[in-house]
Amino acid sequence: MGSHYFAQALAMVLVASMLAVGLANKDWQHGNYTGWGFNHDPYHLNETKGPNKITVGGSENWHYGFDYKQWAWKNGPFYINDTLVFKYDPPNDTTRPHSVYLFQNPWSFMKCDLSQAKMVGKPTQGGGKGFEFVLKSWQPYYFACGEHDGLHCKDGLMRFAVFPMFRGWHY
């Protein structure tokens, strides 16, 4: 009985993930840019040929209260070998600490369960040029701030997911 519900939940997560990746191309009205031979127009979503360095949050950087899920949606798609740059002030008397955690699965990410996550960016690594994380493979990446026992993740909107694509898919 329990395995039946698990299978249904897993199927729903897979369908939602596929839908999210499929909708990452927000310019379908200009044609199909999957590289499958359906469109030969000169318009391309991303003119760069190599990996990009992308500052998480843009000019907002990495801080409490900014909606990073919305930022990721608006700034996608992301590609394999792109580098995400997390910029945040090191902790001091007036600045709360931030960090970067990578979750292993969507369930721990949705619950902000830090016991299922690995710290990849320490509170002291976000200063200066920031902490860099390379999207090395074709897989979902689930990021969040782990400070204050997950409060920044749960209540501060400091979490987002990306699923990098192969760069040639949009040509």
Protein backbone atom coordinates (compact mmCIF):
# COMPACT_ATOMS: atom_id res chain seq x y z
CA MET A 1 0.00 0.00 0.00
CA GLY A 2 2.75 2.45 0.98
CA SER A 3 4.81 1.59 -2.08
CA HIS A 4 1.82 2.45 -4.29
CA TYR A 5 1.66 5.98 -2.83
CA PHE A 6 5.43 6.32 -3.10
CA ALA A 7 5.29 5.33 -6.77
CA GLN A 8 2.53 7.89 -7.42
CA ALA A 9 4.46 10.62 -5.61
CA LEU A 10 7.64 9.76 -7.51
CA ALA A 11 5.77 9.87 -10.82
CA MET A 12 4.34 13.29 -9.94
CA VAL A 13 7.79 14.63 -9.06
CA LEU A 14 9.25 13.29 -12.32
CA VAL A 15 6.45 14.81 -14.39
CA ALA A 16 6.80 18.15 -12.58
CA SER A 17 10.58 18.11 -13.14
CA MET A 18 10.19 17.37 -16.83
CA LEU A 19 7.58 20.12 -17.15
CA ALA A 20 9.86 22.62 -15.40
CA VAL A 21 12.77 21.80 -17.71
CA GLY A 22 10.50 21.97 -20.74
CA LEU A 23 9.14 25.35 -19.71
CA ALA A 24 12.61 26.75 -19.07
CA ASN A 25 12.61 27.95 -22.70
CA LYS A 26 10.35 30.94 -22.24
CA ASP A 27 10.59 32.02 -25.89
CA TRP A 28 8.64 29.25 -27.61
CA GLN A 29 6.59 31.90 -29.40
CA HIS A 30 9.72 32.57 -31.51
CA GLY A 31 10.00 28.93 -32.54
CA ASN A 32 11.55 25.68 -31.33
CA TYR A 33 15.17 26.03 -30.19
CA THR A 34 15.86 22.51 -29.01
CA GLY A 35 18.33 21.77 -31.80
CA TRP A 36 16.14 18.98 -33.14
CA GLY A 37 15.97 20.49 -36.60
CA PHE A 38 12.54 22.14 -36.41
CA ASN A 39 13.74 25.72 -36.76
CA HIS A 40 16.47 27.29 -38.83
CA ASP A 41 15.94 30.95 -37.91
CA PRO A 42 18.94 33.03 -36.78
CA TYR A 43 17.30 33.78 -33.37
CA HIS A 44 18.96 32.03 -30.43
CA LEU A 45 18.24 32.32 -26.71
CA ASN A 46 21.88 32.44 -25.62
CA GLU A 47 24.48 33.68 -28.07
CA THR A 48 27.47 32.71 -25.90
CA LYS A 49 29.38 29.63 -26.98
CA GLY A 50 31.18 28.87 -23.74
CA PRO A 51 30.39 28.60 -20.03
CA ASN A 52 28.94 31.65 -18.29
CA LYS A 53 29.62 33.08 -14.84
CA ILE A 54 26.28 33.97 -13.31
CA THR A 55 25.95 35.94 -10.08
CA VAL A 56 23.16 34.37 -8.04
CA GLY A 57 20.53 37.05 -7.46
CA GLY A 58 22.14 39.42 -9.97
CA SER A 59 22.78 42.80 -8.35
CA GLU A 60 20.87 41.63 -5.24
CA ASN A 61 23.54 38.98 -4.51
CA TRP A 62 22.76 36.29 -1.86
CA HIS A 63 20.71 37.70 1.04
CA TYR A 64 17.68 37.04 3.20
CA GLY A 65 14.27 38.00 1.78
CA PHE A 66 15.01 37.87 -1.97
CA ASP A 67 13.02 35.32 -4.02
CA TYR A 68 15.72 33.12 -5.58
CA LYS A 69 13.24 30.65 -7.09
CA GLN A 70 11.80 33.52 -9.13
CA TRP A 71 15.31 34.74 -9.99
CA ALA A 72 16.31 31.26 -11.26
CA TRP A 73 13.12 31.03 -13.33
CA LYS A 74 13.71 34.44 -14.95
CA ASN A 75 17.43 33.88 -15.57
CA GLY A 76 17.35 30.34 -16.94
CA PRO A 77 18.16 28.29 -18.75
CA PHE A 78 21.48 27.34 -17.17
CA TYR A 79 23.99 25.12 -18.92
CA ILE A 80 26.50 22.46 -17.97
CA ASN A 81 29.84 24.07 -16.99
CA ASP A 82 28.20 27.41 -16.16
CA THR A 83 29.51 28.82 -12.88
CA LEU A 84 27.13 30.15 -10.23
CA VAL A 85 28.74 32.90 -8.14
CA PHE A 86 27.30 33.37 -4.65
CA LYS A 87 28.23 36.80 -3.28
CA TYR A 88 27.47 37.57 0.35
CA ASP A 89 29.12 39.60 3.08
CA PRO A 90 31.19 37.69 5.61
CA PRO A 91 29.61 37.69 9.07
CA ASN A 92 30.35 40.65 11.34
CA ASP A 93 28.64 42.64 14.09
CA THR A 94 26.01 44.04 11.72
CA THR A 95 25.71 41.30 9.06
CA ARG A 96 24.08 37.94 9.60
CA PRO A 97 26.03 35.00 8.20
CA HIS A 98 25.03 33.21 5.01
CA SER A 99 26.20 29.96 3.49
CA VAL A 100 25.46 27.72 0.53
CA TYR A 101 24.14 24.17 0.95
CA LEU A 102 23.59 21.61 -1.77
CA PHE A 103 20.71 19.19 -1.16
CA GLN A 104 20.82 15.60 -2.36
CA ASN A 105 17.16 15.29 -3.28
CA PRO A 106 14.04 17.39 -3.83
CA TRP A 107 12.33 16.16 -0.66
CA SER A 108 15.03 17.45 1.68
CA PHE A 109 15.16 20.66 -0.38
CA MET A 110 11.40 21.25 -0.07
CA LYS A 111 11.57 20.68 3.70
CA CYS A 112 14.85 22.60 4.11
CA ASP A 113 16.18 19.49 5.88
CA LEU A 114 19.86 20.36 6.34
CA SER A 115 20.67 16.87 7.62
CA GLN A 116 20.32 15.74 3.99
CA ALA A 117 22.49 18.56 2.60
CA LYS A 118 26.18 19.36 2.26
CA MET A 119 27.70 22.77 2.93
CA VAL A 120 29.55 23.80 -0.23
CA GLY A 121 30.01 27.50 0.60
CA LYS A 122 31.07 28.56 4.12
CA PRO A 123 29.91 31.85 5.69
CA THR A 124 33.36 33.36 5.11
CA GLN A 125 33.59 32.42 1.39
CA GLY A 126 31.04 34.84 -0.11
CA GLY A 127 33.06 38.04 0.20
CA GLY A 128 35.14 39.65 -2.53
CA LYS A 129 34.61 37.85 -5.83
CA GLY A 130 32.25 35.39 -4.11
CA PHE A 131 31.99 31.63 -3.80
CA GLU A 132 31.90 29.82 -7.16
CA PHE A 133 30.07 26.58 -7.92
CA VAL A 134 30.38 24.91 -11.34
CA LEU A 135 27.36 23.02 -12.70
CA LYS A 136 29.41 20.03 -13.85
CA SER A 137 26.77 17.53 -14.88
CA TRP A 138 23.28 17.07 -16.25
CA GLN A 139 21.35 16.73 -13.00
CA PRO A 140 19.16 18.88 -10.78
CA TYR A 141 21.00 21.05 -8.27
CA TYR A 142 19.16 22.20 -5.14
CA PHE A 143 20.74 25.18 -3.33
CA ALA A 144 19.83 26.96 -0.11
CA CYS A 145 21.26 29.02 2.71
CA GLY A 146 21.64 26.85 5.78
CA GLU A 147 22.09 29.50 8.44
CA HIS A 148 19.97 29.77 11.56
CA ASP A 149 19.00 26.09 11.41
CA GLY A 150 17.43 26.48 7.97
CA LEU A 151 15.40 29.61 8.77
CA HIS A 152 16.92 31.45 5.78
CA CYS A 153 15.84 28.55 3.57
CA LYS A 154 12.35 28.15 5.05
CA ASP A 155 11.30 31.75 5.69
CA GLY A 156 13.90 33.86 3.91
CA LEU A 157 13.34 32.55 0.35
CA MET A 158 17.05 31.70 0.09
CA ARG A 159 16.67 28.55 -1.98
CA PHE A 160 16.39 27.62 -5.63
CA ALA A 161 16.91 24.72 -7.99
CA VAL A 162 18.51 24.54 -11.43
CA PHE A 163 18.74 21.75 -13.97
CA PRO A 164 21.54 22.63 -16.41
CA MET A 165 21.12 21.66 -20.03
CA PHE A 166 23.67 20.73 -22.66
CA ARG A 167 24.71 23.92 -24.41
CA GLY A 168 24.03 22.59 -27.93
CA TRP A 169 20.36 21.88 -27.19
CA HIS A 170 19.18 25.35 -28.14
CA TYR A 171 20.99 25.65 -31.49
